[in-house]
Protein backbone atom coordinates (compact mmCIF):
# COMPACT_ATOMS: atom_id res chain seq x y z
CA MET A 1 25.62 7.08 21.33
CA GLY A 2 29.05 4.78 20.47
CA LEU A 3 28.62 1.37 19.42
CA VAL A 4 28.84 -0.54 22.57
CA GLY A 5 25.77 1.67 23.55
CA ARG A 6 24.43 0.59 20.15
CA LEU A 7 24.96 -2.97 20.49
CA LEU A 8 23.42 -3.20 24.63
CA VAL A 9 20.78 -1.37 23.43
CA SER A 10 19.76 -3.46 20.42
CA ALA A 11 20.57 -6.77 22.70
CA ALA A 12 17.64 -5.43 25.62
CA LEU A 13 15.28 -4.61 22.64
CA CYS A 14 15.77 -7.77 21.37
CA ALA A 15 15.70 -9.74 24.61
CA CYS A 16 12.15 -8.31 25.11
CA ILE A 17 11.06 -8.85 22.63
CA SER A 18 11.65 -12.16 22.39
CA ALA A 19 10.38 -12.63 25.68
CA CYS A 20 6.98 -10.70 25.45
CA ALA A 21 6.12 -12.16 21.22
CA PRO A 22 3.92 -15.27 21.60
CA ARG A 23 4.81 -18.07 19.66
CA GLN A 24 3.19 -18.22 15.85
CA SER A 25 2.89 -20.40 13.27
CA SER A 26 4.43 -20.00 9.82
CA TYR A 27 2.79 -17.43 7.07
CA SER A 28 0.24 -19.28 4.66
CA THR A 29 -2.32 -18.11 2.13
CA LEU A 30 -4.47 -19.47 -0.54
CA GLY A 31 -4.01 -17.89 -3.86
CA THR A 32 -0.75 -16.21 -5.30
CA LEU A 33 1.81 -13.34 -4.14
CA TYR A 34 2.81 -10.82 -6.79
CA VAL A 35 5.78 -9.32 -4.86
CA GLU A 36 8.58 -6.30 -6.22
CA TYR A 37 11.38 -6.99 -4.39
CA ARG A 38 13.64 -3.93 -3.30
CA MET A 39 16.27 -3.53 -5.77
CA PRO A 40 20.26 -1.92 -5.07
CA LYS A 41 18.81 0.79 -6.45
CA ASP A 42 15.03 1.06 -5.51
CA THR A 43 14.09 -0.14 -8.94
CA PRO A 44 11.62 -3.07 -8.95
CA THR A 45 12.82 -5.39 -12.19
CA VAL A 46 10.35 -7.85 -12.26
CA THR A 47 7.51 -8.87 -10.57
CA THR A 48 7.61 -12.28 -8.29
CA GLU A 49 5.06 -14.58 -8.61
CA ILE A 50 5.14 -16.71 -5.19
CA GLU A 51 2.77 -19.67 -4.04
CA ASN A 52 2.97 -21.35 -0.88
CA GLY A 53 5.94 -20.18 0.32
CA GLN A 54 7.77 -20.91 -2.90
CA VAL A 55 8.50 -18.69 -6.42
CA VAL A 56 6.35 -20.35 -9.33
CA GLY A 57 7.28 -17.24 -12.02
CA HIS A 58 8.66 -14.19 -12.67
CA ARG A 59 6.24 -10.76 -14.98
CA PRO A 60 7.69 -7.66 -15.68
CA ALA A 61 8.06 -5.04 -12.88
CA GLY A 62 4.60 -2.57 -12.65
CA LEU A 63 2.48 -5.04 -13.20
CA VAL A 64 -1.16 -5.00 -11.69
CA VAL A 65 -3.19 -7.92 -11.59
CA ALA A 66 -7.00 -8.78 -11.27
CA ARG A 67 -7.94 -10.31 -8.31
CA ASP A 68 -10.45 -13.05 -9.22
CA TYR A 69 -9.00 -12.96 -12.58
CA PRO A 70 -6.13 -12.77 -12.86
CA LYS A 71 -4.84 -14.03 -15.97
CA ARG A 72 -6.34 -10.14 -17.11
CA SER A 73 -3.68 -8.72 -15.33
CA PHE A 74 -0.79 -6.06 -17.52
CA VAL A 75 2.01 -4.21 -17.35
CA ALA A 76 1.47 -0.77 -16.63
CA ALA A 77 3.70 0.68 -18.69
CA ASN A 78 2.12 -0.63 -21.41
CA ALA A 79 -1.30 1.26 -20.57
CA ALA A 80 0.15 4.62 -21.25
CA ILE A 81 -2.96 6.86 -20.39
CA CYS A 82 -2.04 7.60 -16.68
CA THR A 83 1.99 7.92 -17.59
CA TYR A 84 3.70 11.36 -17.76
CA LEU A 85 7.31 11.53 -18.78
CA GLY A 86 8.02 7.59 -18.86
CA GLN A 87 6.64 7.34 -15.11
CA PRO A 88 3.55 5.52 -15.07
CA GLY A 89 0.95 6.59 -12.77
CA ALA A 90 -1.04 4.33 -10.10
CA TYR A 91 -2.86 1.61 -11.77
CA ILE A 92 -6.20 -0.58 -10.15
CA LEU A 93 -8.36 -3.31 -12.19
CA SER A 94 -11.35 -3.79 -11.05
CA PRO A 95 -11.57 -7.45 -9.00
CA ASP A 96 -13.46 -9.10 -12.58
CA GLY A 97 -10.30 -6.96 -14.41
CA THR A 98 -12.68 -5.88 -17.14
CA ARG A 99 -12.37 -2.02 -15.94
CA GLY A 100 -9.06 0.07 -14.71
CA LEU A 101 -8.86 3.30 -12.23
CA CYS A 102 -5.73 5.27 -13.09
CA SER A 103 -4.82 8.65 -11.84
CA SER A 104 -1.73 10.25 -13.01
CA VAL A 105 1.21 12.55 -11.46
CA SER A 106 0.77 15.24 -14.20
CA ASP A 107 -2.82 16.60 -13.55
CA ASN A 108 -5.80 15.81 -11.43
CA TYR A 109 -7.88 12.96 -12.93
CA LEU A 110 -8.85 9.68 -11.54
CA ARG A 111 -9.58 7.99 -14.88
CA LEU A 112 -11.70 5.03 -15.79
CA PHE A 113 -10.66 2.61 -18.63
CA ASP A 114 -10.88 -0.58 -20.26
CA PRO A 115 -8.27 -2.54 -20.02
CA ALA A 116 -8.66 -4.37 -23.14
CA ARG A 117 -8.46 -1.34 -25.16
CA PRO A 118 -6.70 1.43 -22.77
CA LYS A 119 -6.63 4.58 -24.98
CA ILE A 120 -10.38 4.07 -24.05
CA TYR A 121 -10.75 5.85 -21.16
CA ARG A 122 -13.77 8.30 -19.10
CA ILE A 123 -12.82 11.22 -16.69
CA LEU A 124 -14.25 10.16 -13.30
CA LEU A 125 -13.48 12.60 -10.96
CA LYS A 126 -11.59 15.88 -11.37
CA GLU A 127 -9.60 17.43 -8.33
CA PHE A 128 -8.72 14.26 -7.56
CA PHE A 129 -4.76 14.78 -5.80
CA GLN A 130 -2.51 11.17 -5.73
CA ASN A 131 -0.68 10.63 -2.97
CA ALA A 132 2.55 9.54 -2.54
CA ASP A 133 1.85 6.11 -2.69
CA GLY A 134 -0.45 4.62 -4.63
CA LYS A 135 -2.96 4.34 -2.36
CA SER A 136 -6.00 6.58 -2.89
CA PHE A 137 -8.15 4.71 -4.23
CA ALA A 138 -9.58 1.09 -4.56
CA TRP A 139 -12.09 -1.07 -6.24
CA LEU A 140 -14.90 -2.30 -3.71
CA ASP A 141 -16.51 -4.78 -6.24
CA ASN A 142 -16.78 -4.16 -9.77
CA HIS A 143 -19.16 -1.79 -9.57
CA ARG A 144 -18.04 0.68 -7.23
CA PHE A 145 -14.81 1.99 -5.94
CA ILE A 146 -13.70 4.02 -3.42
CA ALA A 147 -11.07 6.86 -3.89
CA THR A 148 -9.68 9.84 -1.18
CA VAL A 149 -11.08 13.24 -2.26
CA LEU A 150 -10.30 16.94 -0.65
CA ASP A 151 -11.89 17.77 2.78
CA LYS A 152 -11.00 20.56 4.41
CA SER A 153 -12.53 19.87 8.10
CA CYS A 154 -9.63 17.20 7.64
CA PRO A 155 -6.37 17.39 9.34
CA TYR A 156 -3.51 17.46 6.97
CA ALA A 157 -0.70 15.01 6.61
CA HIS A 158 2.43 15.57 7.77
CA LEU A 159 4.26 13.05 6.21
CA TYR A 160 4.91 12.71 1.48
CA ASP A 161 2.26 15.92 1.58
CA PHE A 162 -0.91 14.02 1.30
CA PHE A 163 -3.67 16.36 1.46
CA PRO A 164 -6.57 16.50 4.19
CA THR A 165 -8.75 13.78 2.29
CA ARG A 166 -12.17 12.10 3.28
CA VAL A 167 -13.19 8.26 2.14
CA VAL A 168 -15.90 8.25 -0.83
CA THR A 169 -17.72 5.57 -2.11
CA PHE A 170 -18.74 6.20 -6.00
CA ASP A 171 -20.23 3.91 -8.48
CA LEU A 172 -18.73 3.78 -12.11
CA LYS A 173 -21.03 7.21 -12.96
CA GLY A 174 -18.46 8.83 -10.38
CA ARG A 175 -21.71 9.53 -8.48
CA ARG A 176 -21.01 9.63 -4.48
CA LEU A 177 -23.10 6.65 -2.73
CA SER A 178 -22.17 6.90 0.67
CA GLN A 179 -18.81 9.25 2.64
CA GLY A 180 -16.51 7.60 5.92
CA PRO A 181 -13.67 8.51 7.73
CA CYS A 182 -10.81 11.06 7.43
CA ALA A 183 -7.47 8.93 5.62
CA PHE A 184 -4.75 9.64 3.90
CA GLY A 185 -5.27 6.50 1.69
CA VAL A 186 -7.09 3.21 1.21
CA VAL A 187 -6.89 -0.40 0.71
CA ALA A 188 -9.12 -2.78 -0.25
CA GLY A 189 -9.69 -6.95 0.39
CA GLN A 190 -12.45 -9.03 -0.34
CA HIS A 191 -14.79 -7.74 2.36
CA ARG A 192 -12.46 -5.95 4.76
CA LEU A 193 -10.71 -2.22 3.93
CA ALA A 194 -8.01 -0.69 5.41
CA LEU A 195 -7.11 3.34 6.11
CA VAL A 196 -3.98 4.90 6.27
CA GLY A 197 -2.65 7.47 8.70
CA GLU A 198 0.23 8.45 10.32
CA ARG A 199 1.69 8.87 14.30
CA PRO A 200 3.72 11.61 15.84
CA ASN A 201 7.02 9.18 16.92
CA ASP A 202 7.81 8.38 20.63
CA PHE A 203 10.89 7.40 22.24
CA LEU A 204 10.96 3.74 20.33
CA TRP A 205 10.79 5.13 17.61
CA HIS A 206 13.50 7.30 17.30
CA THR A 207 15.33 4.26 19.64
CA HIS A 208 14.60 2.36 16.98
CA GLN A 209 15.83 4.70 13.79
CA LEU A 210 19.43 4.99 15.87
CA LEU A 211 19.67 1.74 15.63
CA ALA A 212 18.71 1.02 11.80
CA ASP A 213 20.36 4.46 10.98
CA ASP A 214 17.83 4.64 7.87
CA PRO A 215 18.36 7.31 5.19
CA ALA A 216 14.84 7.94 4.85
CA TYR A 217 14.20 8.88 8.33
CA TYR A 218 15.12 12.28 7.78
CA ASN A 219 13.07 12.91 4.40
CA ASP A 220 9.62 13.51 4.07
CA GLY A 221 8.87 14.15 7.40
CA TYR A 222 9.94 10.75 8.78
CA ASP A 223 12.05 12.67 11.66
CA ARG A 224 8.72 13.21 13.21
CA PHE A 225 5.47 10.84 12.23
CA HIS A 226 5.17 7.58 10.47
CA PRO A 227 3.05 6.00 8.72
CA THR A 228 -0.66 3.65 10.50
CA TRP A 229 -3.54 1.56 9.21
CA SER A 230 -6.42 0.94 10.56
CA VAL A 231 -8.51 -1.85 9.77
CA ASP A 232 -11.98 -0.70 11.86
CA GLY A 233 -12.97 2.47 10.40
CA GLY A 234 -10.25 4.37 12.47
CA LYS A 235 -11.38 3.52 16.05
CA THR A 236 -7.87 1.93 16.34
CA TRP A 237 -4.30 2.44 14.45
CA HIS A 238 -1.15 0.62 13.90
CA ASP A 239 2.67 1.31 13.15
CA GLY A 240 3.39 0.46 9.00
CA SER A 241 2.20 0.98 6.07
CA PRO A 242 -0.49 -1.36 4.58
CA LEU A 243 0.07 -2.61 1.47
CA ALA A 244 -2.63 -5.47 0.21
CA PHE A 245 -5.40 -7.87 2.43
CA ASP A 246 -4.19 -11.69 1.09
CA GLY A 247 -6.70 -14.79 0.78
CA ASN A 248 -7.66 -14.71 4.23
CA ASP A 249 -8.69 -11.38 3.97
CA SER A 250 -5.59 -10.41 6.61
CA LEU A 251 -3.72 -6.95 5.40
CA LEU A 252 -0.03 -7.08 4.95
CA TYR A 253 1.61 -4.58 5.76
CA LEU A 254 5.36 -2.69 5.77
CA GLU A 255 6.93 -2.38 9.05
CA GLN A 256 9.25 1.21 8.73
CA PHE A 257 12.43 0.68 8.12
CA SER A 258 13.08 -2.72 8.62
CA ARG A 259 11.36 -3.66 5.39
CA ILE A 260 10.04 -6.70 6.35
CA VAL A 261 6.30 -7.51 5.09
CA ARG A 262 4.15 -9.29 8.18
CA SER A 263 -0.32 -9.63 8.31
CA GLU A 264 -1.60 -8.20 10.39
CA ASN A 265 -1.59 -11.13 12.89
CA GLY A 266 2.55 -10.18 13.11
CA GLN A 267 3.57 -13.22 11.59
CA VAL A 268 6.35 -12.51 8.75
CA VAL A 269 5.39 -12.79 5.24
CA LEU A 270 8.33 -11.41 2.92
CA ARG A 271 11.62 -9.63 3.77
CA ASN A 272 13.16 -6.77 1.55
CA ALA A 273 9.70 -6.75 -0.13
CA TYR A 274 8.67 -3.10 -2.43
CA ASP A 275 5.11 -4.00 -2.87
CA VAL A 276 2.54 -6.90 -2.94
CA GLN A 277 -0.78 -7.95 -4.67
CA TRP A 278 -2.52 -11.09 -4.03
CA SER A 279 -5.17 -12.95 -6.50
CA ARG A 280 -6.97 -16.42 -6.57
């Protein structure tokens, strides 16, 4: 399709979206958003603090935030427990910031550690495989966490080389408390949970790519599938990559190709963001 054709299709889609989309108020949330924006080389250099829509400060990139006590946050690269060849693994702090979980790309362990003394840790899970976007585990509260564990009865993913995994709830000793649905990742809020899934690309998705011409479309299976999320235990799925829950316990997710972060009701929250966290 030539340039004129693309412009006509784009105009038609924009007109349809404008006519059908309901009018929405501007986005707002209590607390603070911690945002890593997408840089020219896709490597965030700072974490930007945003309150009431205004930038209030900057912190180092790789900041890991404790949801209820943000002063207990730390920079992942400084912990080094799950760092491999200079690349930090995935780190998440408990809501009160007194405990941390992390996984590394160098082994198949999920570790529990003391953020005040990062060299003190305990291996909770073995044969644990971290997915590509760092969303394989999350804290439910200060004493329980959820993680995706291998389960061959679940479907294999077509994106990112995710493994067939199921959501399982654990205590601080690594004991299984309950078993949940199949999913490729998890994001936890104060009282809600989002699952990560995938969906085959349809005609509208391919048309979107025709206009966006995003090179990521040709990597990691995006030419056939795209990421989705669910907040009702997998009953219904929506396009996008889940990032975090905000102060309203509303999911914030990343649109594919557009790099726009929206709340689950469709409000635009951020543009050109790479990752988002929230704290009180």
